[in-house]
PDB file of N, CA and C in Angstrom:
ATOM      1  N   MET A   1       8.521  35.036 -12.730  1.00  0.00           N
ATOM      2  CA  MET A   1       7.776  34.303 -13.740  1.00  0.00           C
ATOM      3  C   MET A   1       6.309  34.233 -13.329  1.00  0.00           C
ATOM      4  N   ASP A   2       5.440  34.560 -14.232  1.00  0.00           N
ATOM      5  CA  ASP A   2       4.004  34.528 -13.958  1.00  0.00           C
ATOM      6  C   ASP A   2       3.512  33.087 -14.039  1.00  0.00           C
ATOM      7  N   GLN A   3       2.936  32.573 -12.925  1.00  0.00           N
ATOM      8  CA  GLN A   3       2.498  31.182 -12.891  1.00  0.00           C
ATOM      9  C   GLN A   3       0.983  31.048 -12.965  1.00  0.00           C
ATOM     10  N   ARG A   4       0.311  32.090 -13.409  1.00  0.00           N
ATOM     11  CA  ARG A   4      -1.136  31.984 -13.547  1.00  0.00           C
ATOM     12  C   ARG A   4      -1.481  30.991 -14.648  1.00  0.00           C
ATOM     13  N   VAL A   5      -2.534  30.263 -14.422  1.00  0.00           N
ATOM     14  CA  VAL A   5      -2.976  29.285 -15.411  1.00  0.00           C
ATOM     15  C   VAL A   5      -3.954  29.957 -16.350  1.00  0.00           C
ATOM     16  N   GLN A   6      -3.741  29.772 -17.638  1.00  0.00           N
ATOM     17  CA  GLN A   6      -4.667  30.323 -18.612  1.00  0.00           C
ATOM     18  C   GLN A   6      -5.822  29.359 -18.791  1.00  0.00           C
ATOM     19  N   GLU A   7      -7.012  29.889 -18.717  1.00  0.00           N
ATOM     20  CA  GLU A   7      -8.186  29.047 -18.907  1.00  0.00           C
ATOM     21  C   GLU A   7      -8.412  28.840 -20.400  1.00  0.00           C
ATOM     22  N   PRO A   8      -8.897  27.663 -20.789  1.00  0.00           N
ATOM     23  CA  PRO A   8      -9.156  27.430 -22.209  1.00  0.00           C
ATOM     24  C   PRO A   8     -10.285  28.324 -22.688  1.00  0.00           C
ATOM     25  N   PRO A   9     -10.275  28.683 -23.968  1.00  0.00           N
ATOM     26  CA  PRO A   9     -11.367  29.518 -24.483  1.00  0.00           C
ATOM     27  C   PRO A   9     -12.688  28.762 -24.409  1.00  0.00           C
ATOM     28  N   LEU A  10     -13.757  29.504 -24.197  1.00  0.00           N
ATOM     29  CA  LEU A  10     -15.077  28.879 -24.142  1.00  0.00           C
ATOM     30  C   LEU A  10     -15.446  28.343 -25.517  1.00  0.00           C
ATOM     31  N   LEU A  11     -16.060  27.188 -25.518  1.00  0.00           N
ATOM     32  CA  LEU A  11     -16.475  26.587 -26.784  1.00  0.00           C
ATOM     33  C   LEU A  11     -17.759  27.234 -27.268  1.00  0.00           C
ATOM     34  N   LYS A  12     -17.836  27.505 -28.541  1.00  0.00           N
ATOM     35  CA  LYS A  12     -19.082  27.972 -29.127  1.00  0.00           C
ATOM     36  C   LYS A  12     -19.963  26.758 -29.357  1.00  0.00           C
ATOM     37  N   ALA A  13     -21.238  26.994 -29.554  1.00  0.00           N
ATOM     38  CA  ALA A  13     -22.174  25.875 -29.714  1.00  0.00           C
ATOM     39  C   ALA A  13     -21.747  24.944 -30.841  1.00  0.00           C
ATOM     40  N   SER A  14     -21.340  25.520 -31.968  1.00  0.00           N
ATOM     41  CA  SER A  14     -20.974  24.661 -33.100  1.00  0.00           C
ATOM     42  C   SER A  14     -19.715  23.852 -32.792  1.00  0.00           C
ATOM     43  N   SER A  15     -18.716  24.487 -32.199  1.00  0.00           N
ATOM     44  CA  SER A  15     -17.497  23.736 -31.889  1.00  0.00           C
ATOM     45  C   SER A  15     -17.746  22.767 -30.748  1.00  0.00           C
ATOM     46  N   GLY A  16     -18.662  23.112 -29.831  1.00  0.00           N
ATOM     47  CA  GLY A  16     -19.009  22.193 -28.752  1.00  0.00           C
ATOM     48  C   GLY A  16     -19.648  20.927 -29.287  1.00  0.00           C
ATOM     49  N   LYS A  17     -20.512  21.064 -30.279  1.00  0.00           N
ATOM     50  CA  LYS A  17     -21.135  19.886 -30.886  1.00  0.00           C
ATOM     51  C   LYS A  17     -20.081  19.020 -31.563  1.00  0.00           C
ATOM     52  N   ALA A  18     -19.148  19.651 -32.249  1.00  0.00           N
ATOM     53  CA  ALA A  18     -18.087  18.886 -32.905  1.00  0.00           C
ATOM     54  C   ALA A  18     -17.248  18.159 -31.858  1.00  0.00           C
ATOM     55  N   PHE A  19     -16.963  18.833 -30.761  1.00  0.00           N
ATOM     56  CA  PHE A  19     -16.175  18.206 -29.697  1.00  0.00           C
ATOM     57  C   PHE A  19     -16.915  17.007 -29.128  1.00  0.00           C
ATOM     58  N   LEU A  20     -18.189  17.169 -28.831  1.00  0.00           N
ATOM     59  CA  LEU A  20     -18.954  16.070 -28.254  1.00  0.00           C
ATOM     60  C   LEU A  20     -19.105  14.915 -29.234  1.00  0.00           C
ATOM     61  N   ALA A  21     -19.203  15.218 -30.516  1.00  0.00           N
ATOM     62  CA  ALA A  21     -19.339  14.160 -31.513  1.00  0.00           C
ATOM     63  C   ALA A  21     -18.076  13.308 -31.577  1.00  0.00           C
ATOM     64  N   ASN A  22     -16.922  13.908 -31.307  1.00  0.00           N
ATOM     65  CA  ASN A  22     -15.655  13.182 -31.366  1.00  0.00           C
ATOM     66  C   ASN A  22     -15.238  12.619 -30.011  1.00  0.00           C
ATOM     67  N   PHE A  23     -16.018  12.860 -28.985  1.00  0.00           N
ATOM     68  CA  PHE A  23     -15.659  12.398 -27.643  1.00  0.00           C
ATOM     69  C   PHE A  23     -15.870  10.894 -27.532  1.00  0.00           C
ATOM     70  N   GLN A  24     -14.880  10.210 -27.006  1.00  0.00           N
ATOM     71  CA  GLN A  24     -14.982   8.765 -26.824  1.00  0.00           C
ATOM     72  C   GLN A  24     -14.547   8.431 -25.406  1.00  0.00           C
ATOM     73  N   MET A  25     -15.410   7.756 -24.668  1.00  0.00           N
ATOM     74  CA  MET A  25     -15.079   7.375 -23.307  1.00  0.00           C
ATOM     75  C   MET A  25     -14.089   6.219 -23.322  1.00  0.00           C
ATOM     76  N   VAL A  26     -13.044   6.347 -22.533  1.00  0.00           N
ATOM     77  CA  VAL A  26     -12.046   5.285 -22.413  1.00  0.00           C
ATOM     78  C   VAL A  26     -12.366   4.498 -21.153  1.00  0.00           C
ATOM     79  N   PRO A  27     -12.626   3.195 -21.272  1.00  0.00           N
ATOM     80  CA  PRO A  27     -12.965   2.413 -20.079  1.00  0.00           C
ATOM     81  C   PRO A  27     -11.777   2.303 -19.133  1.00  0.00           C
ATOM     82  N   LEU A  28     -12.076   2.142 -17.856  1.00  0.00           N
ATOM     83  CA  LEU A  28     -11.037   1.978 -16.851  1.00  0.00           C
ATOM     84  C   LEU A  28     -10.407   0.600 -16.965  1.00  0.00           C
ATOM     85  N   SER A  29      -9.186   0.494 -16.497  1.00  0.00           N
ATOM     86  CA  SER A  29      -8.504  -0.796 -16.458  1.00  0.00           C
ATOM     87  C   SER A  29      -9.129  -1.662 -15.372  1.00  0.00           C
ATOM     88  N   THR A  30      -9.007  -2.972 -15.506  1.00  0.00           N
ATOM     89  CA  THR A  30      -9.537  -3.907 -14.518  1.00  0.00           C
ATOM     90  C   THR A  30      -8.936  -3.626 -13.146  1.00  0.00           C
ATOM     91  N   GLY A  31      -9.792  -3.575 -12.132  1.00  0.00           N
ATOM     92  CA  GLY A  31      -9.335  -3.346 -10.764  1.00  0.00           C
ATOM     93  C   GLY A  31      -9.038  -1.901 -10.438  1.00  0.00           C
ATOM     94  N   LYS A  32      -9.336  -0.974 -11.345  1.00  0.00           N
ATOM     95  CA  LYS A  32      -9.083   0.450 -11.119  1.00  0.00           C
ATOM     96  C   LYS A  32     -10.400   1.148 -10.815  1.00  0.00           C
ATOM     97  N   LEU A  33     -10.310   2.316 -10.196  1.00  0.00           N
ATOM     98  CA  LEU A  33     -11.489   3.051  -9.761  1.00  0.00           C
ATOM     99  C   LEU A  33     -11.391   4.499 -10.198  1.00  0.00           C
ATOM    100  N   ASN A  34     -12.499   5.061 -10.630  1.00  0.00           N
ATOM    101  CA  ASN A  34     -12.612   6.484 -10.924  1.00  0.00           C
ATOM    102  C   ASN A  34     -13.452   7.097  -9.812  1.00  0.00           C
ATOM    103  N   VAL A  35     -12.952   8.133  -9.157  1.00  0.00           N
ATOM    104  CA  VAL A  35     -13.676   8.783  -8.071  1.00  0.00           C
ATOM    105  C   VAL A  35     -13.924  10.231  -8.462  1.00  0.00           C
ATOM    106  N   ASN A  36     -15.177  10.652  -8.406  1.00  0.00           N
ATOM    107  CA  ASN A  36     -15.557  12.033  -8.668  1.00  0.00           C
ATOM    108  C   ASN A  36     -16.167  12.574  -7.390  1.00  0.00           C
ATOM    109  N   VAL A  37     -15.588  13.624  -6.831  1.00  0.00           N
ATOM    110  CA  VAL A  37     -16.058  14.138  -5.548  1.00  0.00           C
ATOM    111  C   VAL A  37     -16.613  15.545  -5.708  1.00  0.00           C
ATOM    112  N   ASP A  38     -17.560  15.867  -4.850  1.00  0.00           N
ATOM    113  CA  ASP A  38     -18.150  17.199  -4.863  1.00  0.00           C
ATOM    114  C   ASP A  38     -18.871  17.411  -3.548  1.00  0.00           C
ATOM    115  N   THR A  39     -18.967  18.664  -3.128  1.00  0.00           N
ATOM    116  CA  THR A  39     -19.774  18.939  -1.952  1.00  0.00           C
ATOM    117  C   THR A  39     -21.231  18.960  -2.373  1.00  0.00           C
ATOM    118  N   ALA A  40     -22.093  18.572  -1.468  1.00  0.00           N
ATOM    119  CA  ALA A  40     -23.526  18.556  -1.750  1.00  0.00           C
ATOM    120  C   ALA A  40     -24.082  19.969  -1.604  1.00  0.00           C
ATOM    121  N   LEU A  41     -25.364  20.121  -1.900  1.00  0.00           N
ATOM    122  CA  LEU A  41     -25.983  21.438  -1.776  1.00  0.00           C
ATOM    123  C   LEU A  41     -25.898  21.964  -0.355  1.00  0.00           C
ATOM    124  N   SER A  42     -25.992  21.074   0.602  1.00  0.00           N
ATOM    125  CA  SER A  42     -25.846  21.467   1.995  1.00  0.00           C
ATOM    126  C   SER A  42     -24.355  21.522   2.308  1.00  0.00           C
ATOM    127  N   PRO A  43     -23.835  22.650   2.792  1.00  0.00           N
ATOM    128  CA  PRO A  43     -22.392  22.773   2.971  1.00  0.00           C
ATOM    129  C   PRO A  43     -21.805  21.870   4.049  1.00  0.00           C
ATOM    130  N   GLU A  44     -22.629  21.257   4.887  1.00  0.00           N
ATOM    131  CA  GLU A  44     -22.062  20.373   5.903  1.00  0.00           C
ATOM    132  C   GLU A  44     -22.066  18.910   5.469  1.00  0.00           C
ATOM    133  N   ARG A  45     -22.279  18.658   4.189  1.00  0.00           N
ATOM    134  CA  ARG A  45     -22.251  17.292   3.663  1.00  0.00           C
ATOM    135  C   ARG A  45     -21.409  17.248   2.396  1.00  0.00           C
ATOM    136  N   ILE A  46     -20.809  16.097   2.158  1.00  0.00           N
ATOM    137  CA  ILE A  46     -20.105  15.883   0.901  1.00  0.00           C
ATOM    138  C   ILE A  46     -20.653  14.628   0.249  1.00  0.00           C
ATOM    139  N   GLY A  47     -20.533  14.554  -1.049  1.00  0.00           N
ATOM    140  CA  GLY A  47     -20.947  13.366  -1.776  1.00  0.00           C
ATOM    141  C   GLY A  47     -19.772  12.810  -2.561  1.00  0.00           C
ATOM    142  N   ILE A  48     -19.685  11.501  -2.646  1.00  0.00           N
ATOM    143  CA  ILE A  48     -18.617  10.839  -3.376  1.00  0.00           C
ATOM    144  C   ILE A  48     -19.256   9.833  -4.327  1.00  0.00           C
ATOM    145  N   ILE A  49     -18.940   9.947  -5.595  1.00  0.00           N
ATOM    146  CA  ILE A  49     -19.422   9.004  -6.598  1.00  0.00           C
ATOM    147  C   ILE A  49     -18.206   8.245  -7.119  1.00  0.00           C
ATOM    148  N   SER A  50     -18.296   6.937  -7.155  1.00  0.00           N
ATOM    149  CA  SER A  50     -17.185   6.150  -7.691  1.00  0.00           C
ATOM    150  C   SER A  50     -17.710   5.224  -8.781  1.00  0.00           C
ATOM    151  N   ARG A  51     -16.843   4.913  -9.730  1.00  0.00           N
ATOM    152  CA  ARG A  51     -17.189   4.013 -10.828  1.00  0.00           C
ATOM    153  C   ARG A  51     -16.034   3.039 -11.014  1.00  0.00           C
ATOM    154  N   ASP A  52     -16.349   1.745 -11.090  1.00  0.00           N
ATOM    155  CA  ASP A  52     -15.297   0.755 -11.301  1.00  0.00           C
ATOM    156  C   ASP A  52     -15.182   0.425 -12.789  1.00  0.00           C
ATOM    157  N   HIS A  53     -14.286  -0.492 -13.148  1.00  0.00           N
ATOM    158  CA  HIS A  53     -14.012  -0.744 -14.564  1.00  0.00           C
ATOM    159  C   HIS A  53     -15.197  -1.282 -15.356  1.00  0.00           C
ATOM    160  N   PRO A  54     -16.145  -2.073 -14.776  1.00  0.00           N
ATOM    161  CA  PRO A  54     -17.308  -2.459 -15.581  1.00  0.00           C
ATOM    162  C   PRO A  54     -18.334  -1.328 -15.720  1.00  0.00           C
ATOM    163  N   GLY A  55     -18.155  -0.226 -14.990  1.00  0.00           N
ATOM    164  CA  GLY A  55     -19.079   0.896 -15.069  1.00  0.00           C
ATOM    165  C   GLY A  55     -20.086   0.941 -13.944  1.00  0.00           C
ATOM    166  N   SER A  56     -19.947   0.073 -12.945  1.00  0.00           N
ATOM    167  CA  SER A  56     -20.861   0.096 -11.795  1.00  0.00           C
ATOM    168  C   SER A  56     -20.593   1.336 -10.949  1.00  0.00           C
ATOM    169  N   TYR A  57     -21.668   1.943 -10.468  1.00  0.00           N
ATOM    170  CA  TYR A  57     -21.553   3.160  -9.674  1.00  0.00           C
ATOM    171  C   TYR A  57     -21.856   2.872  -8.214  1.00  0.00           C
ATOM    172  N   SER A  58     -21.242   3.634  -7.353  1.00  0.00           N
ATOM    173  CA  SER A  58     -21.628   3.638  -5.945  1.00  0.00           C
ATOM    174  C   SER A  58     -21.499   5.069  -5.458  1.00  0.00           C
ATOM    175  N   SER A  59     -22.222   5.398  -4.427  1.00  0.00           N
ATOM    176  CA  SER A  59     -22.132   6.748  -3.882  1.00  0.00           C
ATOM    177  C   SER A  59     -22.087   6.669  -2.367  1.00  0.00           C
ATOM    178  N   ASN A  60     -21.442   7.639  -1.789  1.00  0.00           N
ATOM    179  CA  ASN A  60     -21.335   7.745  -0.342  1.00  0.00           C
ATOM    180  C   ASN A  60     -21.561   9.191   0.052  1.00  0.00           C
ATOM    181  N   ARG A  61     -21.921   9.375   1.294  1.00  0.00           N
ATOM    182  CA  ARG A  61     -22.174  10.716   1.807  1.00  0.00           C
ATOM    183  C   ARG A  61     -21.603  10.787   3.208  1.00  0.00           C
ATOM    184  N   LYS A  62     -21.086  11.933   3.570  1.00  0.00           N
ATOM    185  CA  LYS A  62     -20.547  12.123   4.907  1.00  0.00           C
ATOM    186  C   LYS A  62     -21.035  13.463   5.433  1.00  0.00           C
ATOM    187  N   SER A  63     -21.466  13.477   6.682  1.00  0.00           N
ATOM    188  CA  SER A  63     -21.938  14.709   7.317  1.00  0.00           C
ATOM    189  C   SER A  63     -20.914  15.189   8.335  1.00  0.00           C
ATOM    190  N   PHE A  64     -20.918  16.486   8.591  1.00  0.00           N
ATOM    191  CA  PHE A  64     -20.003  17.109   9.535  1.00  0.00           C
ATOM    192  C   PHE A  64     -20.782  17.923  10.543  1.00  0.00           C
ATOM    193  N   LEU A  65     -20.233  18.051  11.741  1.00  0.00           N
ATOM    194  CA  LEU A  65     -20.852  18.916  12.742  1.00  0.00           C
ATOM    195  C   LEU A  65     -20.574  20.374  12.416  1.00  0.00           C
ATOM    196  N   ALA A  66     -19.389  20.638  11.892  1.00  0.00           N
ATOM    197  CA  ALA A  66     -19.020  22.012  11.554  1.00  0.00           C
ATOM    198  C   ALA A  66     -19.544  22.353  10.164  1.00  0.00           C
ATOM    199  N   ASN A  67     -19.482  23.611   9.833  1.00  0.00           N
ATOM    200  CA  ASN A  67     -19.903  24.087   8.525  1.00  0.00           C
ATOM    201  C   ASN A  67     -18.670  24.644   7.814  1.00  0.00           C
ATOM    202  N   PRO A  68     -17.920  23.795   7.074  1.00  0.00           N
ATOM    203  CA  PRO A  68     -16.684  24.277   6.451  1.00  0.00           C
ATOM    204  C   PRO A  68     -16.979  25.218   5.291  1.00  0.00           C
ATOM    205  N   THR A  69     -15.959  25.977   4.907  1.00  0.00           N
ATOM    206  CA  THR A  69     -16.090  26.817   3.718  1.00  0.00           C
ATOM    207  C   THR A  69     -16.238  25.904   2.500  1.00  0.00           C
ATOM    208  N   ALA A  70     -16.661  26.484   1.391  1.00  0.00           N
ATOM    209  CA  ALA A  70     -16.824  25.688   0.170  1.00  0.00           C
ATOM    210  C   ALA A  70     -15.496  25.049  -0.233  1.00  0.00           C
ATOM    211  N   PHE A  71     -14.409  25.819  -0.170  1.00  0.00           N
ATOM    212  CA  PHE A  71     -13.095  25.296  -0.549  1.00  0.00           C
ATOM    213  C   PHE A  71     -12.686  24.152   0.365  1.00  0.00           C
ATOM    214  N   LEU A  72     -12.836  24.333   1.673  1.00  0.00           N
ATOM    215  CA  LEU A  72     -12.456  23.278   2.613  1.00  0.00           C
ATOM    216  C   LEU A  72     -13.352  22.052   2.434  1.00  0.00           C
ATOM    217  N   GLY A  73     -14.631  22.275   2.189  1.00  0.00           N
ATOM    218  CA  GLY A  73     -15.540  21.157   1.927  1.00  0.00           C
ATOM    219  C   GLY A  73     -15.112  20.358   0.707  1.00  0.00           C
ATOM    220  N   GLU A  74     -14.699  21.049  -0.353  1.00  0.00           N
ATOM    221  CA  GLU A  74     -14.224  20.366  -1.558  1.00  0.00           C
ATOM    222  C   GLU A  74     -12.933  19.597  -1.274  1.00  0.00           C
ATOM    223  N   CYS A  75     -12.036  20.182  -0.483  1.00  0.00           N
ATOM    224  CA  CYS A  75     -10.789  19.485  -0.120  1.00  0.00           C
ATOM    225  C   CYS A  75     -11.091  18.233   0.692  1.00  0.00           C
ATOM    226  N   ILE A  76     -12.024  18.348   1.642  1.00  0.00           N
ATOM    227  CA  ILE A  76     -12.403  17.192   2.464  1.00  0.00           C
ATOM    228  C   ILE A  76     -13.036  16.117   1.586  1.00  0.00           C
ATOM    229  N   ALA A  77     -13.875  16.534   0.642  1.00  0.00           N
ATOM    230  CA  ALA A  77     -14.506  15.568  -0.261  1.00  0.00           C
ATOM    231  C   ALA A  77     -13.452  14.818  -1.066  1.00  0.00           C
ATOM    232  N   PHE A  78     -12.445  15.530  -1.540  1.00  0.00           N
ATOM    233  CA  PHE A  78     -11.382  14.888  -2.309  1.00  0.00           C
ATOM    234  C   PHE A  78     -10.629  13.884  -1.441  1.00  0.00           C
ATOM    235  N   ARG A  79     -10.301  14.300  -0.220  1.00  0.00           N
ATOM    236  CA  ARG A  79      -9.596  13.401   0.703  1.00  0.00           C
ATOM    237  C   ARG A  79     -10.433  12.162   1.004  1.00  0.00           C
ATOM    238  N   GLU A  80     -11.725  12.342   1.246  1.00  0.00           N
ATOM    239  CA  GLU A  80     -12.599  11.209   1.549  1.00  0.00           C
ATOM    240  C   GLU A  80     -12.706  10.249   0.364  1.00  0.00           C
ATOM    241  N   GLY A  81     -12.679  10.779  -0.845  1.00  0.00           N
ATOM    242  CA  GLY A  81     -12.674   9.910  -2.021  1.00  0.00           C
ATOM    243  C   GLY A  81     -11.422   9.048  -2.080  1.00  0.00           C
ATOM    244  N   LEU A  82     -10.284   9.632  -1.724  1.00  0.00           N
ATOM    245  CA  LEU A  82      -9.036   8.861  -1.689  1.00  0.00           C
ATOM    246  C   LEU A  82      -9.074   7.817  -0.580  1.00  0.00           C
ATOM    247  N   ILE A  83      -9.619   8.187   0.582  1.00  0.00           N
ATOM    248  CA  ILE A  83      -9.741   7.240   1.696  1.00  0.00           C
ATOM    249  C   ILE A  83     -10.659   6.082   1.305  1.00  0.00           C
ATOM    250  N   LEU A  84     -11.757   6.388   0.612  1.00  0.00           N
ATOM    251  CA  LEU A  84     -12.677   5.343   0.150  1.00  0.00           C
ATOM    252  C   LEU A  84     -11.951   4.350  -0.756  1.00  0.00           C
ATOM    253  N   THR A  85     -11.136   4.867  -1.657  1.00  0.00           N
ATOM    254  CA  THR A  85     -10.381   3.999  -2.558  1.00  0.00           C
ATOM    255  C   THR A  85      -9.461   3.065  -1.779  1.00  0.00           C
ATOM    256  N   LEU A  86      -8.752   3.615  -0.793  1.00  0.00           N
ATOM    257  CA  LEU A  86      -7.867   2.789   0.037  1.00  0.00           C
ATOM    258  C   LEU A  86      -8.664   1.750   0.817  1.00  0.00           C
ATOM    259  N   HIS A  87      -9.801   2.177   1.369  1.00  0.00           N
ATOM    260  CA  HIS A  87     -10.641   1.278   2.167  1.00  0.00           C
ATOM    261  C   HIS A  87     -11.147   0.097   1.330  1.00  0.00           C
ATOM    262  N   LEU A  88     -11.462   0.360   0.065  1.00  0.00           N
ATOM    263  CA  LEU A  88     -11.952  -0.694  -0.823  1.00  0.00           C
ATOM    264  C   LEU A  88     -10.820  -1.558  -1.377  1.00  0.00           C
ATOM    265  N   GLY A  89      -9.576  -1.155  -1.113  1.00  0.00           N
ATOM    266  CA  GLY A  89      -8.427  -1.913  -1.598  1.00  0.00           C
ATOM    267  C   GLY A  89      -8.239  -1.824  -3.098  1.00  0.00           C
ATOM    268  N   LEU A  90      -8.678  -0.717  -3.690  1.00  0.00           N
ATOM    269  CA  LEU A  90      -8.578  -0.544  -5.137  1.00  0.00           C
ATOM    270  C   LEU A  90      -7.459   0.427  -5.487  1.00  0.00           C
ATOM    271  N   VAL A  91      -7.070   0.407  -6.735  1.00  0.00           N
ATOM    272  CA  VAL A  91      -6.071   1.334  -7.248  1.00  0.00           C
ATOM    273  C   VAL A  91      -6.816   2.461  -7.954  1.00  0.00           C
ATOM    274  N   LEU A  92      -6.515   3.681  -7.573  1.00  0.00           N
ATOM    275  CA  LEU A  92      -7.179   4.837  -8.169  1.00  0.00           C
ATOM    276  C   LEU A  92      -6.549   5.141  -9.518  1.00  0.00           C
ATOM    277  N   GLU A  93      -7.366   5.137 -10.556  1.00  0.00           N
ATOM    278  CA  GLU A  93      -6.866   5.479 -11.887  1.00  0.00           C
ATOM    279  C   GLU A  93      -7.117   6.950 -12.189  1.00  0.00           C
ATOM    280  N   LYS A  94      -8.235   7.490 -11.694  1.00  0.00           N
ATOM    281  CA  LYS A  94      -8.566   8.876 -11.996  1.00  0.00           C
ATOM    282  C   LYS A  94      -9.382   9.447 -10.854  1.00  0.00           C
ATOM    283  N   ALA A  95      -9.066  10.673 -10.452  1.00  0.00           N
ATOM    284  CA  ALA A  95      -9.862  11.398  -9.461  1.00  0.00           C
ATOM    285  C   ALA A  95     -10.274  12.720 -10.090  1.00  0.00           C
ATOM    286  N   GLU A  96     -11.515  13.114  -9.886  1.00  0.00           N
ATOM    287  CA  GLU A  96     -12.038  14.320 -10.525  1.00  0.00           C
ATOM    288  C   GLU A  96     -12.653  15.251  -9.493  1.00  0.00           C
ATOM    289  N   THR A  97     -12.463  16.537  -9.718  1.00  0.00           N
ATOM    290  CA  THR A  97     -13.130  17.567  -8.935  1.00  0.00           C
ATOM    291  C   THR A  97     -13.417  18.730  -9.872  1.00  0.00           C
ATOM    292  N   ASP A  98     -14.412  19.518  -9.550  1.00  0.00           N
ATOM    293  CA  ASP A  98     -14.748  20.654 -10.399  1.00  0.00           C
ATOM    294  C   ASP A  98     -14.212  21.966  -9.839  1.00  0.00           C
ATOM    295  N   VAL A  99     -13.312  21.904  -8.865  1.00  0.00           N
ATOM    296  CA  VAL A  99     -12.801  23.113  -8.224  1.00  0.00           C
ATOM    297  C   VAL A  99     -11.308  23.252  -8.520  1.00  0.00           C
ATOM    298  N   GLN A 100     -10.969  24.268  -9.291  1.00  0.00           N
ATOM    299  CA  GLN A 100      -9.592  24.481  -9.712  1.00  0.00           C
ATOM    300  C   GLN A 100      -8.664  24.708  -8.517  1.00  0.00           C
ATOM    301  N   ASN A 101      -9.132  25.403  -7.477  1.00  0.00           N
ATOM    302  CA  ASN A 101      -8.291  25.671  -6.310  1.00  0.00           C
ATOM    303  C   ASN A 101      -7.893  24.389  -5.589  1.00  0.00           C
ATOM    304  N   VAL A 102      -8.759  23.383  -5.587  1.00  0.00           N
ATOM    305  CA  VAL A 102      -8.424  22.099  -4.962  1.00  0.00           C
ATOM    306  C   VAL A 102      -7.295  21.441  -5.748  1.00  0.00           C
ATOM    307  N   VAL A 103      -7.383  21.482  -7.066  1.00  0.00           N
ATOM    308  CA  VAL A 103      -6.325  20.909  -7.900  1.00  0.00           C
ATOM    309  C   VAL A 103      -5.010  21.631  -7.639  1.00  0.00           C
ATOM    310  N   PHE A 104      -5.044  22.965  -7.568  1.00  0.00           N
ATOM    311  CA  PHE A 104      -3.831  23.728  -7.275  1.00  0.00           C
ATOM    312  C   PHE A 104      -3.268  23.367  -5.906  1.00  0.00           C
ATOM    313  N   ALA A 105      -4.146  23.229  -4.907  1.00  0.00           N
ATOM    314  CA  ALA A 105      -3.691  22.917  -3.548  1.00  0.00           C
ATOM    315  C   ALA A 105      -3.012  21.556  -3.491  1.00  0.00           C
ATOM    316  N   ILE A 106      -3.446  20.635  -4.326  1.00  0.00           N
ATOM    317  CA  ILE A 106      -2.891  19.286  -4.309  1.00  0.00           C
ATOM    318  C   ILE A 106      -1.626  19.184  -5.156  1.00  0.00           C
ATOM    319  N   THR A 107      -1.612  19.847  -6.296  1.00  0.00           N
ATOM    320  CA  THR A 107      -0.534  19.617  -7.261  1.00  0.00           C
ATOM    321  C   THR A 107       0.558  20.677  -7.278  1.00  0.00           C
ATOM    322  N   LYS A 108       0.327  21.822  -6.710  1.00  0.00           N
ATOM    323  CA  LYS A 108       1.294  22.918  -6.799  1.00  0.00           C
ATOM    324  C   LYS A 108       1.799  23.301  -5.416  1.00  0.00           C
ATOM    325  N   ASN A 109       2.957  23.912  -5.396  1.00  0.00           N
ATOM    326  CA  ASN A 109       3.458  24.522  -4.176  1.00  0.00           C
ATOM    327  C   ASN A 109       2.702  25.835  -4.041  1.00  0.00           C
ATOM    328  N   SER A 110       1.610  25.809  -3.302  1.00  0.00           N
ATOM    329  CA  SER A 110       0.644  26.899  -3.312  1.00  0.00           C
ATOM    330  C   SER A 110       0.315  27.353  -1.905  1.00  0.00           C
ATOM    331  N   THR A 111      -0.041  28.620  -1.784  1.00  0.00           N
ATOM    332  CA  THR A 111      -0.499  29.120  -0.488  1.00  0.00           C
ATOM    333  C   THR A 111      -1.859  28.543  -0.137  1.00  0.00           C
ATOM    334  N   LEU A 112      -2.535  27.928  -1.111  1.00  0.00           N
ATOM    335  CA  LEU A 112      -3.831  27.312  -0.850  1.00  0.00           C
ATOM    336  C   LEU A 112      -3.695  25.912  -0.275  1.00  0.00           C
ATOM    337  N   ALA A 113      -2.478  25.367  -0.287  1.00  0.00           N
ATOM    338  CA  ALA A 113      -2.278  24.004   0.204  1.00  0.00           C
ATOM    339  C   ALA A 113      -2.610  23.928   1.684  1.00  0.00           C
ATOM    340  N   LEU A 114      -3.211  22.826   2.080  1.00  0.00           N
ATOM    341  CA  LEU A 114      -3.613  22.652   3.470  1.00  0.00           C
ATOM    342  C   LEU A 114      -2.500  22.055   4.289  1.00  0.00           C
TER     343      LEU A 114
END
């Protein structure tokens, strides 16, 4: 069985405008946290942005002595976002990353899993 994921078709400008016009942000539940992680421009640093239910933002940064690959840096950033949530004693409602391989490594039985 082929387990490749099909990517959604690219939106054209007109359909993109229609999509954005209908987009509605759903607020987080009380006491929940949204964490969006990404590696910074410098490959030996990661950045973590978190937003709580009233919409307040906070950011954190972590530096490393080693220079991990982009994929490993993204995985570390995701892990650090989860650790931050635990440290703050909050319940994670949503975690976001822009790297499909990180999602596969976390959610699938994959050779990319760490």
